[in-house]
Amino acid sequence: MHYQAIKLKEELYKMNDYWSPKVIGEINDYQFKLVKIDGDFMWHNHQGDDKVFIVLEGEMFIDFRDGQVKISKGEMFIVPGGVEHKPFAKRESNIMLMEPKREGNTGDTITSQ
């Protein structure tokens, strides 16, 4: 067995595109992903599956139809499945996501503005 720690900063350094999550590990039926974000994403939901956002660097916001949450470095937030939301960041931020594994499907449903 080969034991190797995942170096988050190195993995993030390799990433150039915003809003393009990269799978860095799996446990049971869940995936851990790293993503760089900046600016706005679109309104969407996660078809009944919860999604965890963990801010590693910077800060992000998530708009909901009835409010907003700010997530700073060292904080996490769980978006309940099926809830419409729109994540965004005012400047580049590094995020870890944890969500159920999906074969060839993001599990996101894009909704209207």
PDB file of N, CA and C in Angstrom:
ATOM      1  N   MET A   1       0.853  -1.177   0.000  1.00  0.00           N
ATOM      2  CA  MET A   1       0.000   0.000   0.000  1.00  0.00           C
ATOM      3  C   MET A   1       0.894   1.235   0.000  1.00  0.00           C
ATOM      4  N   HIS A   2       0.535   2.214  -0.820  1.00  0.00           N
ATOM      5  CA  HIS A   2       1.285   3.462  -0.909  1.00  0.00           C
ATOM      6  C   HIS A   2       0.514   4.542  -0.144  1.00  0.00           C
ATOM      7  N   TYR A   3       1.145   5.126   0.858  1.00  0.00           N
ATOM      8  CA  TYR A   3       0.502   6.162   1.659  1.00  0.00           C
ATOM      9  C   TYR A   3       1.064   7.519   1.278  1.00  0.00           C
ATOM     10  N   GLN A   4       0.196   8.405   0.827  1.00  0.00           N
ATOM     11  CA  GLN A   4       0.637   9.716   0.371  1.00  0.00           C
ATOM     12  C   GLN A   4      -0.419  10.747   0.746  1.00  0.00           C
ATOM     13  N   ALA A   5      -0.011  11.780   1.446  1.00  0.00           N
ATOM     14  CA  ALA A   5      -0.939  12.868   1.772  1.00  0.00           C
ATOM     15  C   ALA A   5      -1.263  13.654   0.512  1.00  0.00           C
ATOM     16  N   ILE A   6      -2.475  14.168   0.434  1.00  0.00           N
ATOM     17  CA  ILE A   6      -2.883  15.028  -0.675  1.00  0.00           C
ATOM     18  C   ILE A   6      -2.499  16.453  -0.298  1.00  0.00           C
ATOM     19  N   LYS A   7      -1.683  17.065  -1.110  1.00  0.00           N
ATOM     20  CA  LYS A   7      -1.200  18.424  -0.838  1.00  0.00           C
ATOM     21  C   LYS A   7      -2.145  19.414  -1.512  1.00  0.00           C
ATOM     22  N   LEU A   8      -3.051  19.983  -0.736  1.00  0.00           N
ATOM     23  CA  LEU A   8      -4.098  20.840  -1.271  1.00  0.00           C
ATOM     24  C   LEU A   8      -3.540  22.047  -2.013  1.00  0.00           C
ATOM     25  N   LYS A   9      -2.551  22.709  -1.443  1.00  0.00           N
ATOM     26  CA  LYS A   9      -1.977  23.887  -2.098  1.00  0.00           C
ATOM     27  C   LYS A   9      -1.364  23.530  -3.448  1.00  0.00           C
ATOM     28  N   GLU A  10      -0.698  22.388  -3.527  1.00  0.00           N
ATOM     29  CA  GLU A  10      -0.106  21.962  -4.806  1.00  0.00           C
ATOM     30  C   GLU A  10      -1.192  21.677  -5.838  1.00  0.00           C
ATOM     31  N   GLU A  11      -2.260  21.016  -5.411  1.00  0.00           N
ATOM     32  CA  GLU A  11      -3.362  20.714  -6.329  1.00  0.00           C
ATOM     33  C   GLU A  11      -4.017  22.007  -6.820  1.00  0.00           C
ATOM     34  N   LEU A  12      -4.211  22.961  -5.924  1.00  0.00           N
ATOM     35  CA  LEU A  12      -4.810  24.240  -6.316  1.00  0.00           C
ATOM     36  C   LEU A  12      -3.892  25.018  -7.251  1.00  0.00           C
ATOM     37  N   TYR A  13      -2.585  24.933  -7.038  1.00  0.00           N
ATOM     38  CA  TYR A  13      -1.621  25.637  -7.875  1.00  0.00           C
ATOM     39  C   TYR A  13      -1.706  25.177  -9.336  1.00  0.00           C
ATOM     40  N   LYS A  14      -2.035  23.893  -9.531  1.00  0.00           N
ATOM     41  CA  LYS A  14      -2.143  23.318 -10.869  1.00  0.00           C
ATOM     42  C   LYS A  14      -3.403  23.783 -11.609  1.00  0.00           C
ATOM     43  N   MET A  15      -4.351  24.322 -10.883  1.00  0.00           N
ATOM     44  CA  MET A  15      -5.639  24.688 -11.472  1.00  0.00           C
ATOM     45  C   MET A  15      -5.601  26.113 -12.022  1.00  0.00           C
ATOM     46  N   ASN A  16      -6.141  26.284 -13.236  1.00  0.00           N
ATOM     47  CA  ASN A  16      -6.159  27.600 -13.866  1.00  0.00           C
ATOM     48  C   ASN A  16      -7.563  28.152 -14.055  1.00  0.00           C
ATOM     49  N   ASP A  17      -8.520  27.294 -14.259  1.00  0.00           N
ATOM     50  CA  ASP A  17      -9.881  27.721 -14.583  1.00  0.00           C
ATOM     51  C   ASP A  17     -10.737  27.882 -13.336  1.00  0.00           C
ATOM     52  N   TYR A  18     -11.610  28.881 -13.372  1.00  0.00           N
ATOM     53  CA  TYR A  18     -12.578  29.070 -12.295  1.00  0.00           C
ATOM     54  C   TYR A  18     -13.808  28.196 -12.550  1.00  0.00           C
ATOM     55  N   TRP A  19     -14.447  27.811 -11.466  1.00  0.00           N
ATOM     56  CA  TRP A  19     -15.704  27.061 -11.504  1.00  0.00           C
ATOM     57  C   TRP A  19     -15.558  25.717 -12.226  1.00  0.00           C
ATOM     58  N   SER A  20     -14.375  25.105 -12.130  1.00  0.00           N
ATOM     59  CA  SER A  20     -14.118  23.791 -12.741  1.00  0.00           C
ATOM     60  C   SER A  20     -13.571  22.851 -11.675  1.00  0.00           C
ATOM     61  N   PRO A  21     -14.466  22.250 -10.875  1.00  0.00           N
ATOM     62  CA  PRO A  21     -14.007  21.391  -9.774  1.00  0.00           C
ATOM     63  C   PRO A  21     -13.170  20.207 -10.243  1.00  0.00           C
ATOM     64  N   LYS A  22     -12.165  19.860  -9.437  1.00  0.00           N
ATOM     65  CA  LYS A  22     -11.299  18.715  -9.705  1.00  0.00           C
ATOM     66  C   LYS A  22     -11.424  17.738  -8.537  1.00  0.00           C
ATOM     67  N   VAL A  23     -11.730  16.490  -8.842  1.00  0.00           N
ATOM     68  CA  VAL A  23     -11.831  15.444  -7.810  1.00  0.00           C
ATOM     69  C   VAL A  23     -10.436  15.140  -7.288  1.00  0.00           C
ATOM     70  N   ILE A  24     -10.286  15.222  -5.950  1.00  0.00           N
ATOM     71  CA  ILE A  24      -8.977  14.927  -5.354  1.00  0.00           C
ATOM     72  C   ILE A  24      -9.019  13.700  -4.452  1.00  0.00           C
ATOM     73  N   GLY A  25     -10.236  13.195  -4.180  1.00  0.00           N
ATOM     74  CA  GLY A  25     -10.350  12.001  -3.347  1.00  0.00           C
ATOM     75  C   GLY A  25     -11.785  11.516  -3.271  1.00  0.00           C
ATOM     76  N   GLU A  26     -11.927  10.242  -2.920  1.00  0.00           N
ATOM     77  CA  GLU A  26     -13.251   9.646  -2.759  1.00  0.00           C
ATOM     78  C   GLU A  26     -13.282   8.830  -1.480  1.00  0.00           C
ATOM     79  N   ILE A  27     -14.448   8.827  -0.851  1.00  0.00           N
ATOM     80  CA  ILE A  27     -14.668   7.993   0.320  1.00  0.00           C
ATOM     81  C   ILE A  27     -16.101   7.487   0.234  1.00  0.00           C
ATOM     82  N   ASN A  28     -16.258   6.189   0.270  1.00  0.00           N
ATOM     83  CA  ASN A  28     -17.566   5.563   0.094  1.00  0.00           C
ATOM     84  C   ASN A  28     -18.204   6.103  -1.183  1.00  0.00           C
ATOM     85  N   ASP A  29     -19.365   6.684  -1.128  1.00  0.00           N
ATOM     86  CA  ASP A  29     -20.036   7.212  -2.321  1.00  0.00           C
ATOM     87  C   ASP A  29     -19.921   8.729  -2.419  1.00  0.00           C
ATOM     88  N   TYR A  30     -18.887   9.311  -1.806  1.00  0.00           N
ATOM     89  CA  TYR A  30     -18.710  10.763  -1.819  1.00  0.00           C
ATOM     90  C   TYR A  30     -17.379  11.142  -2.448  1.00  0.00           C
ATOM     91  N   GLN A  31     -17.359  12.328  -3.047  1.00  0.00           N
ATOM     92  CA  GLN A  31     -16.142  12.863  -3.633  1.00  0.00           C
ATOM     93  C   GLN A  31     -15.750  14.159  -2.934  1.00  0.00           C
ATOM     94  N   PHE A  32     -14.447  14.353  -2.805  1.00  0.00           N
ATOM     95  CA  PHE A  32     -13.889  15.620  -2.350  1.00  0.00           C
ATOM     96  C   PHE A  32     -13.340  16.309  -3.590  1.00  0.00           C
ATOM     97  N   LYS A  33     -13.698  17.583  -3.772  1.00  0.00           N
ATOM     98  CA  LYS A  33     -13.273  18.325  -4.950  1.00  0.00           C
ATOM     99  C   LYS A  33     -12.675  19.651  -4.517  1.00  0.00           C
ATOM    100  N   LEU A  34     -11.703  20.120  -5.295  1.00  0.00           N
ATOM    101  CA  LEU A  34     -11.166  21.466  -5.121  1.00  0.00           C
ATOM    102  C   LEU A  34     -11.641  22.304  -6.289  1.00  0.00           C
ATOM    103  N   VAL A  35     -11.924  23.581  -6.011  1.00  0.00           N
ATOM    104  CA  VAL A  35     -12.354  24.487  -7.062  1.00  0.00           C
ATOM    105  C   VAL A  35     -11.895  25.895  -6.726  1.00  0.00           C
ATOM    106  N   LYS A  36     -11.437  26.596  -7.755  1.00  0.00           N
ATOM    107  CA  LYS A  36     -11.141  28.031  -7.621  1.00  0.00           C
ATOM    108  C   LYS A  36     -12.363  28.773  -8.127  1.00  0.00           C
ATOM    109  N   ILE A  37     -12.789  29.786  -7.383  1.00  0.00           N
ATOM    110  CA  ILE A  37     -13.961  30.550  -7.806  1.00  0.00           C
ATOM    111  C   ILE A  37     -13.641  32.035  -7.819  1.00  0.00           C
ATOM    112  N   ASP A  38     -14.331  32.745  -8.684  1.00  0.00           N
ATOM    113  CA  ASP A  38     -14.243  34.204  -8.753  1.00  0.00           C
ATOM    114  C   ASP A  38     -15.439  34.662  -9.569  1.00  0.00           C
ATOM    115  N   GLY A  39     -16.130  35.678  -9.102  1.00  0.00           N
ATOM    116  CA  GLY A  39     -17.317  36.149  -9.802  1.00  0.00           C
ATOM    117  C   GLY A  39     -18.527  35.296  -9.473  1.00  0.00           C
ATOM    118  N   ASP A  40     -19.519  35.366 -10.364  1.00  0.00           N
ATOM    119  CA  ASP A  40     -20.802  34.696 -10.139  1.00  0.00           C
ATOM    120  C   ASP A  40     -20.892  33.344 -10.826  1.00  0.00           C
ATOM    121  N   PHE A  41     -21.581  32.426 -10.175  1.00  0.00           N
ATOM    122  CA  PHE A  41     -22.011  31.184 -10.806  1.00  0.00           C
ATOM    123  C   PHE A  41     -23.493  31.362 -11.111  1.00  0.00           C
ATOM    124  N   MET A  42     -24.161  30.348 -11.613  1.00  0.00           N
ATOM    125  CA  MET A  42     -25.571  30.485 -11.981  1.00  0.00           C
ATOM    126  C   MET A  42     -26.489  29.908 -10.897  1.00  0.00           C
ATOM    127  N   TRP A  43     -27.743  30.296 -10.940  1.00  0.00           N
ATOM    128  CA  TRP A  43     -28.747  29.711 -10.055  1.00  0.00           C
ATOM    129  C   TRP A  43     -28.904  28.236 -10.425  1.00  0.00           C
ATOM    130  N   HIS A  44     -28.908  27.374  -9.408  1.00  0.00           N
ATOM    131  CA  HIS A  44     -29.074  25.936  -9.638  1.00  0.00           C
ATOM    132  C   HIS A  44     -29.443  25.245  -8.333  1.00  0.00           C
ATOM    133  N   ASN A  45     -29.725  23.947  -8.416  1.00  0.00           N
ATOM    134  CA  ASN A  45     -29.925  23.131  -7.215  1.00  0.00           C
ATOM    135  C   ASN A  45     -29.276  21.773  -7.447  1.00  0.00           C
ATOM    136  N   HIS A  46     -29.243  20.964  -6.408  1.00  0.00           N
ATOM    137  CA  HIS A  46     -28.535  19.687  -6.468  1.00  0.00           C
ATOM    138  C   HIS A  46     -29.460  18.484  -6.342  1.00  0.00           C
ATOM    139  N   GLN A  47     -30.562  18.474  -7.024  1.00  0.00           N
ATOM    140  CA  GLN A  47     -31.456  17.326  -7.166  1.00  0.00           C
ATOM    141  C   GLN A  47     -31.551  16.435  -5.925  1.00  0.00           C
ATOM    142  N   GLY A  48     -31.798  17.029  -4.784  1.00  0.00           N
ATOM    143  CA  GLY A  48     -32.037  16.244  -3.577  1.00  0.00           C
ATOM    144  C   GLY A  48     -30.815  15.879  -2.760  1.00  0.00           C
ATOM    145  N   ASP A  49     -29.599  16.129  -3.265  1.00  0.00           N
ATOM    146  CA  ASP A  49     -28.382  15.806  -2.518  1.00  0.00           C
ATOM    147  C   ASP A  49     -27.809  17.059  -1.860  1.00  0.00           C
ATOM    148  N   ASP A  50     -27.421  16.931  -0.591  1.00  0.00           N
ATOM    149  CA  ASP A  50     -26.747  18.031   0.096  1.00  0.00           C
ATOM    150  C   ASP A  50     -25.348  18.222  -0.496  1.00  0.00           C
ATOM    151  N   LYS A  51     -24.805  19.438  -0.363  1.00  0.00           N
ATOM    152  CA  LYS A  51     -23.455  19.737  -0.848  1.00  0.00           C
ATOM    153  C   LYS A  51     -22.751  20.577   0.207  1.00  0.00           C
ATOM    154  N   VAL A  52     -21.514  20.221   0.519  1.00  0.00           N
ATOM    155  CA  VAL A  52     -20.726  20.920   1.530  1.00  0.00           C
ATOM    156  C   VAL A  52     -19.711  21.827   0.848  1.00  0.00           C
ATOM    157  N   PHE A  53     -19.650  23.091   1.279  1.00  0.00           N
ATOM    158  CA  PHE A  53     -18.666  24.069   0.817  1.00  0.00           C
ATOM    159  C   PHE A  53     -17.742  24.373   1.998  1.00  0.00           C
ATOM    160  N   ILE A  54     -16.431  24.195   1.818  1.00  0.00           N
ATOM    161  CA  ILE A  54     -15.430  24.509   2.836  1.00  0.00           C
ATOM    162  C   ILE A  54     -14.469  25.520   2.226  1.00  0.00           C
ATOM    163  N   VAL A  55     -14.357  26.689   2.831  1.00  0.00           N
ATOM    164  CA  VAL A  55     -13.486  27.735   2.289  1.00  0.00           C
ATOM    165  C   VAL A  55     -12.072  27.546   2.840  1.00  0.00           C
ATOM    166  N   LEU A  56     -11.127  27.319   1.923  1.00  0.00           N
ATOM    167  CA  LEU A  56      -9.727  27.137   2.289  1.00  0.00           C
ATOM    168  C   LEU A  56      -8.967  28.458   2.271  1.00  0.00           C
ATOM    169  N   GLU A  57      -9.274  29.312   1.303  1.00  0.00           N
ATOM    170  CA  GLU A  57      -8.664  30.644   1.173  1.00  0.00           C
ATOM    171  C   GLU A  57      -9.708  31.605   0.641  1.00  0.00           C
ATOM    172  N   GLY A  58      -9.727  32.827   1.158  1.00  0.00           N
ATOM    173  CA  GLY A  58     -10.665  33.843   0.685  1.00  0.00           C
ATOM    174  C   GLY A  58     -12.004  33.748   1.394  1.00  0.00           C
ATOM    175  N   GLU A  59     -13.052  34.115   0.661  1.00  0.00           N
ATOM    176  CA  GLU A  59     -14.406  34.011   1.191  1.00  0.00           C
ATOM    177  C   GLU A  59     -15.370  33.891   0.022  1.00  0.00           C
ATOM    178  N   MET A  60     -16.502  33.315   0.290  1.00  0.00           N
ATOM    179  CA  MET A  60     -17.525  33.185  -0.736  1.00  0.00           C
ATOM    180  C   MET A  60     -18.877  33.513  -0.139  1.00  0.00           C
ATOM    181  N   PHE A  61     -19.829  33.720  -1.014  1.00  0.00           N
ATOM    182  CA  PHE A  61     -21.205  33.997  -0.617  1.00  0.00           C
ATOM    183  C   PHE A  61     -22.101  33.034  -1.382  1.00  0.00           C
ATOM    184  N   ILE A  62     -23.226  32.710  -0.791  1.00  0.00           N
ATOM    185  CA  ILE A  62     -24.234  31.928  -1.502  1.00  0.00           C
ATOM    186  C   ILE A  62     -25.552  32.657  -1.347  1.00  0.00           C
ATOM    187  N   ASP A  63     -26.121  33.056  -2.492  1.00  0.00           N
ATOM    188  CA  ASP A  63     -27.444  33.660  -2.499  1.00  0.00           C
ATOM    189  C   ASP A  63     -28.494  32.565  -2.529  1.00  0.00           C
ATOM    190  N   PHE A  64     -29.540  32.779  -1.776  1.00  0.00           N
ATOM    191  CA  PHE A  64     -30.730  31.935  -1.806  1.00  0.00           C
ATOM    192  C   PHE A  64     -31.886  32.836  -2.185  1.00  0.00           C
ATOM    193  N   ARG A  65     -32.991  32.278  -2.580  1.00  0.00           N
ATOM    194  CA  ARG A  65     -34.144  33.089  -2.971  1.00  0.00           C
ATOM    195  C   ARG A  65     -34.658  33.921  -1.798  1.00  0.00           C
ATOM    196  N   ASP A  66     -34.338  33.491  -0.567  1.00  0.00           N
ATOM    197  CA  ASP A  66     -34.839  34.207   0.619  1.00  0.00           C
ATOM    198  C   ASP A  66     -33.732  34.691   1.555  1.00  0.00           C
ATOM    199  N   GLY A  67     -32.490  34.799   1.041  1.00  0.00           N
ATOM    200  CA  GLY A  67     -31.413  35.279   1.906  1.00  0.00           C
ATOM    201  C   GLY A  67     -30.043  34.983   1.323  1.00  0.00           C
ATOM    202  N   GLN A  68     -29.022  35.132   2.163  1.00  0.00           N
ATOM    203  CA  GLN A  68     -27.636  34.957   1.734  1.00  0.00           C
ATOM    204  C   GLN A  68     -26.799  34.486   2.917  1.00  0.00           C
ATOM    205  N   VAL A  69     -25.746  33.713   2.626  1.00  0.00           N
ATOM    206  CA  VAL A  69     -24.781  33.314   3.645  1.00  0.00           C
ATOM    207  C   VAL A  69     -23.385  33.694   3.154  1.00  0.00           C
ATOM    208  N   LYS A  70     -22.552  34.166   4.094  1.00  0.00           N
ATOM    209  CA  LYS A  70     -21.140  34.455   3.817  1.00  0.00           C
ATOM    210  C   LYS A  70     -20.331  33.353   4.491  1.00  0.00           C
ATOM    211  N   ILE A  71     -19.380  32.777   3.751  1.00  0.00           N
ATOM    212  CA  ILE A  71     -18.532  31.709   4.286  1.00  0.00           C
ATOM    213  C   ILE A  71     -17.085  32.173   4.155  1.00  0.00           C
ATOM    214  N   SER A  72     -16.410  32.325   5.271  1.00  0.00           N
ATOM    215  CA  SER A  72     -15.027  32.814   5.299  1.00  0.00           C
ATOM    216  C   SER A  72     -14.046  31.663   5.443  1.00  0.00           C
ATOM    217  N   LYS A  73     -12.757  31.977   5.268  1.00  0.00           N
ATOM    218  CA  LYS A  73     -11.688  30.992   5.415  1.00  0.00           C
ATOM    219  C   LYS A  73     -11.848  30.248   6.741  1.00  0.00           C
ATOM    220  N   GLY A  74     -11.767  28.929   6.664  1.00  0.00           N
ATOM    221  CA  GLY A  74     -11.884  28.112   7.867  1.00  0.00           C
ATOM    222  C   GLY A  74     -13.316  27.785   8.249  1.00  0.00           C
ATOM    223  N   GLU A  75     -14.282  28.177   7.424  1.00  0.00           N
ATOM    224  CA  GLU A  75     -15.694  27.897   7.698  1.00  0.00           C
ATOM    225  C   GLU A  75     -16.260  26.978   6.627  1.00  0.00           C
ATOM    226  N   MET A  76     -17.364  26.330   6.973  1.00  0.00           N
ATOM    227  CA  MET A  76     -18.058  25.481   6.018  1.00  0.00           C
ATOM    228  C   MET A  76     -19.552  25.721   6.098  1.00  0.00           C
ATOM    229  N   PHE A  77     -20.240  25.338   5.042  1.00  0.00           N
ATOM    230  CA  PHE A  77     -21.687  25.487   4.993  1.00  0.00           C
ATOM    231  C   PHE A  77     -22.257  24.339   4.176  1.00  0.00           C
ATOM    232  N   ILE A  78     -23.395  23.814   4.614  1.00  0.00           N
ATOM    233  CA  ILE A  78     -24.069  22.730   3.909  1.00  0.00           C
ATOM    234  C   ILE A  78     -25.315  23.288   3.230  1.00  0.00           C
ATOM    235  N   VAL A  79     -25.366  23.155   1.908  1.00  0.00           N
ATOM    236  CA  VAL A  79     -26.557  23.551   1.151  1.00  0.00           C
ATOM    237  C   VAL A  79     -27.448  22.313   1.052  1.00  0.00           C
ATOM    238  N   PRO A  80     -28.660  22.392   1.600  1.00  0.00           N
ATOM    239  CA  PRO A  80     -29.566  21.242   1.519  1.00  0.00           C
ATOM    240  C   PRO A  80     -29.935  20.921   0.070  1.00  0.00           C
ATOM    241  N   GLY A  81     -30.087  19.656  -0.221  1.00  0.00           N
ATOM    242  CA  GLY A  81     -30.463  19.231  -1.558  1.00  0.00           C
ATOM    243  C   GLY A  81     -31.771  19.846  -2.004  1.00  0.00           C
ATOM    244  N   GLY A  82     -31.833  20.193  -3.284  1.00  0.00           N
ATOM    245  CA  GLY A  82     -33.041  20.736  -3.867  1.00  0.00           C
ATOM    246  C   GLY A  82     -33.261  22.216  -3.650  1.00  0.00           C
ATOM    247  N   VAL A  83     -32.407  22.869  -2.849  1.00  0.00           N
ATOM    248  CA  VAL A  83     -32.571  24.296  -2.559  1.00  0.00           C
ATOM    249  C   VAL A  83     -31.845  25.117  -3.634  1.00  0.00           C
ATOM    250  N   GLU A  84     -32.571  26.019  -4.294  1.00  0.00           N
ATOM    251  CA  GLU A  84     -31.967  26.884  -5.297  1.00  0.00           C
ATOM    252  C   GLU A  84     -30.962  27.823  -4.647  1.00  0.00           C
ATOM    253  N   HIS A  85     -29.804  27.959  -5.273  1.00  0.00           N
ATOM    254  CA  HIS A  85     -28.771  28.835  -4.747  1.00  0.00           C
ATOM    255  C   HIS A  85     -27.851  29.301  -5.869  1.00  0.00           C
ATOM    256  N   LYS A  86     -27.113  30.384  -5.571  1.00  0.00           N
ATOM    257  CA  LYS A  86     -26.163  30.958  -6.538  1.00  0.00           C
ATOM    258  C   LYS A  86     -24.899  31.360  -5.778  1.00  0.00           C
ATOM    259  N   PRO A  87     -23.835  30.552  -5.888  1.00  0.00           N
ATOM    260  CA  PRO A  87     -22.580  30.906  -5.227  1.00  0.00           C
ATOM    261  C   PRO A  87     -21.839  32.005  -5.994  1.00  0.00           C
ATOM    262  N   PHE A  88     -21.071  32.800  -5.252  1.00  0.00           N
ATOM    263  CA  PHE A  88     -20.219  33.799  -5.898  1.00  0.00           C
ATOM    264  C   PHE A  88     -19.104  34.215  -4.955  1.00  0.00           C
ATOM    265  N   ALA A  89     -18.074  34.822  -5.541  1.00  0.00           N
ATOM    266  CA  ALA A  89     -16.951  35.362  -4.767  1.00  0.00           C
ATOM    267  C   ALA A  89     -16.574  36.710  -5.354  1.00  0.00           C
ATOM    268  N   LYS A  90     -16.245  37.643  -4.490  1.00  0.00           N
ATOM    269  CA  LYS A  90     -15.854  38.983  -4.946  1.00  0.00           C
ATOM    270  C   LYS A  90     -14.423  39.004  -5.470  1.00  0.00           C
ATOM    271  N   ARG A  91     -13.613  38.020  -5.049  1.00  0.00           N
ATOM    272  CA  ARG A  91     -12.257  37.849  -5.572  1.00  0.00           C
ATOM    273  C   ARG A  91     -11.903  36.363  -5.465  1.00  0.00           C
ATOM    274  N   GLU A  92     -10.826  35.978  -6.124  1.00  0.00           N
ATOM    275  CA  GLU A  92     -10.473  34.555  -6.181  1.00  0.00           C
ATOM    276  C   GLU A  92     -10.449  33.926  -4.786  1.00  0.00           C
ATOM    277  N   SER A  93     -11.100  32.781  -4.687  1.00  0.00           N
ATOM    278  CA  SER A  93     -11.145  32.024  -3.439  1.00  0.00           C
ATOM    279  C   SER A  93     -10.985  30.542  -3.766  1.00  0.00           C
ATOM    280  N   ASN A  94     -10.436  29.795  -2.809  1.00  0.00           N
ATOM    281  CA  ASN A  94     -10.219  28.360  -2.974  1.00  0.00           C
ATOM    282  C   ASN A  94     -11.181  27.600  -2.074  1.00  0.00           C
ATOM    283  N   ILE A  95     -11.912  26.677  -2.684  1.00  0.00           N
ATOM    284  CA  ILE A  95     -12.994  25.980  -1.999  1.00  0.00           C
ATOM    285  C   ILE A  95     -12.801  24.478  -2.110  1.00  0.00           C
ATOM    286  N   MET A  96     -13.156  23.754  -1.039  1.00  0.00           N
ATOM    287  CA  MET A  96     -13.262  22.306  -1.107  1.00  0.00           C
ATOM    288  C   MET A  96     -14.748  21.971  -1.069  1.00  0.00           C
ATOM    289  N   LEU A  97     -15.166  21.086  -1.947  1.00  0.00           N
ATOM    290  CA  LEU A  97     -16.541  20.619  -1.995  1.00  0.00           C
ATOM    291  C   LEU A  97     -16.584  19.160  -1.593  1.00  0.00           C
ATOM    292  N   MET A  98     -17.664  18.759  -0.958  1.00  0.00           N
ATOM    293  CA  MET A  98     -17.914  17.344  -0.708  1.00  0.00           C
ATOM    294  C   MET A  98     -19.337  17.075  -1.135  1.00  0.00           C
ATOM    295  N   GLU A  99     -19.498  16.095  -2.040  1.00  0.00           N
ATOM    296  CA  GLU A  99     -20.821  15.790  -2.558  1.00  0.00           C
ATOM    297  C   GLU A  99     -20.874  14.340  -3.005  1.00  0.00           C
ATOM    298  N   PRO A 100     -22.087  13.801  -3.155  1.00  0.00           N
ATOM    299  CA  PRO A 100     -22.209  12.416  -3.621  1.00  0.00           C
ATOM    300  C   PRO A 100     -21.583  12.231  -4.999  1.00  0.00           C
ATOM    301  N   LYS A 101     -20.985  11.075  -5.196  1.00  0.00           N
ATOM    302  CA  LYS A 101     -20.369  10.735  -6.476  1.00  0.00           C
ATOM    303  C   LYS A 101     -21.464  10.551  -7.523  1.00  0.00           C
ATOM    304  N   ARG A 102     -21.220  11.095  -8.696  1.00  0.00           N
ATOM    305  CA  ARG A 102     -22.165  10.973  -9.815  1.00  0.00           C
ATOM    306  C   ARG A 102     -21.402  10.525 -11.051  1.00  0.00           C
ATOM    307  N   GLU A 103     -21.892   9.510 -11.698  1.00  0.00           N
ATOM    308  CA  GLU A 103     -21.285   9.021 -12.940  1.00  0.00           C
ATOM    309  C   GLU A 103     -21.682   9.921 -14.105  1.00  0.00           C
ATOM    310  N   GLY A 104     -20.746  10.693 -14.644  1.00  0.00           N
ATOM    311  CA  GLY A 104     -20.990  11.490 -15.834  1.00  0.00           C
ATOM    312  C   GLY A 104     -22.092  12.526 -15.710  1.00  0.00           C
ATOM    313  N   ASN A 105     -22.409  12.943 -14.481  1.00  0.00           N
ATOM    314  CA  ASN A 105     -23.508  13.878 -14.262  1.00  0.00           C
ATOM    315  C   ASN A 105     -23.130  14.759 -13.085  1.00  0.00           C
ATOM    316  N   THR A 106     -23.296  16.048 -13.235  1.00  0.00           N
ATOM    317  CA  THR A 106     -22.958  16.957 -12.150  1.00  0.00           C
ATOM    318  C   THR A 106     -24.013  16.936 -11.059  1.00  0.00           C
ATOM    319  N   GLY A 107     -25.233  16.483 -11.396  1.00  0.00           N
ATOM    320  CA  GLY A 107     -26.305  16.484 -10.419  1.00  0.00           C
ATOM    321  C   GLY A 107     -26.932  17.857 -10.229  1.00  0.00           C
ATOM    322  N   ASP A 108     -26.469  18.858 -10.981  1.00  0.00           N
ATOM    323  CA  ASP A 108     -26.995  20.211 -10.855  1.00  0.00           C
ATOM    324  C   ASP A 108     -28.137  20.413 -11.826  1.00  0.00           C
ATOM    325  N   THR A 109     -29.164  21.096 -11.369  1.00  0.00           N
ATOM    326  CA  THR A 109     -30.240  21.529 -12.235  1.00  0.00           C
ATOM    327  C   THR A 109     -30.168  23.034 -12.318  1.00  0.00           C
ATOM    328  N   ILE A 110     -29.949  23.556 -13.511  1.00  0.00           N
ATOM    329  CA  ILE A 110     -29.840  24.993 -13.720  1.00  0.00           C
ATOM    330  C   ILE A 110     -31.246  25.571 -13.704  1.00  0.00           C
ATOM    331  N   THR A 111     -31.398  26.662 -12.984  1.00  0.00           N
ATOM    332  CA  THR A 111     -32.717  27.312 -12.887  1.00  0.00           C
ATOM    333  C   THR A 111     -32.629  28.733 -13.419  1.00  0.00           C
ATOM    334  N   SER A 112     -33.764  29.346 -13.549  1.00  0.00           N
ATOM    335  CA  SER A 112     -33.811  30.690 -14.137  1.00  0.00           C
ATOM    336  C   SER A 112     -33.274  31.731 -13.172  1.00  0.00           C
ATOM    337  N   GLN A 113     -32.952  32.908 -13.725  1.00  0.00           N
ATOM    338  CA  GLN A 113     -32.491  34.031 -12.926  1.00  0.00           C
ATOM    339  C   GLN A 113     -33.640  34.479 -12.085  1.00  0.00           C
TER     340      GLN A 113
END
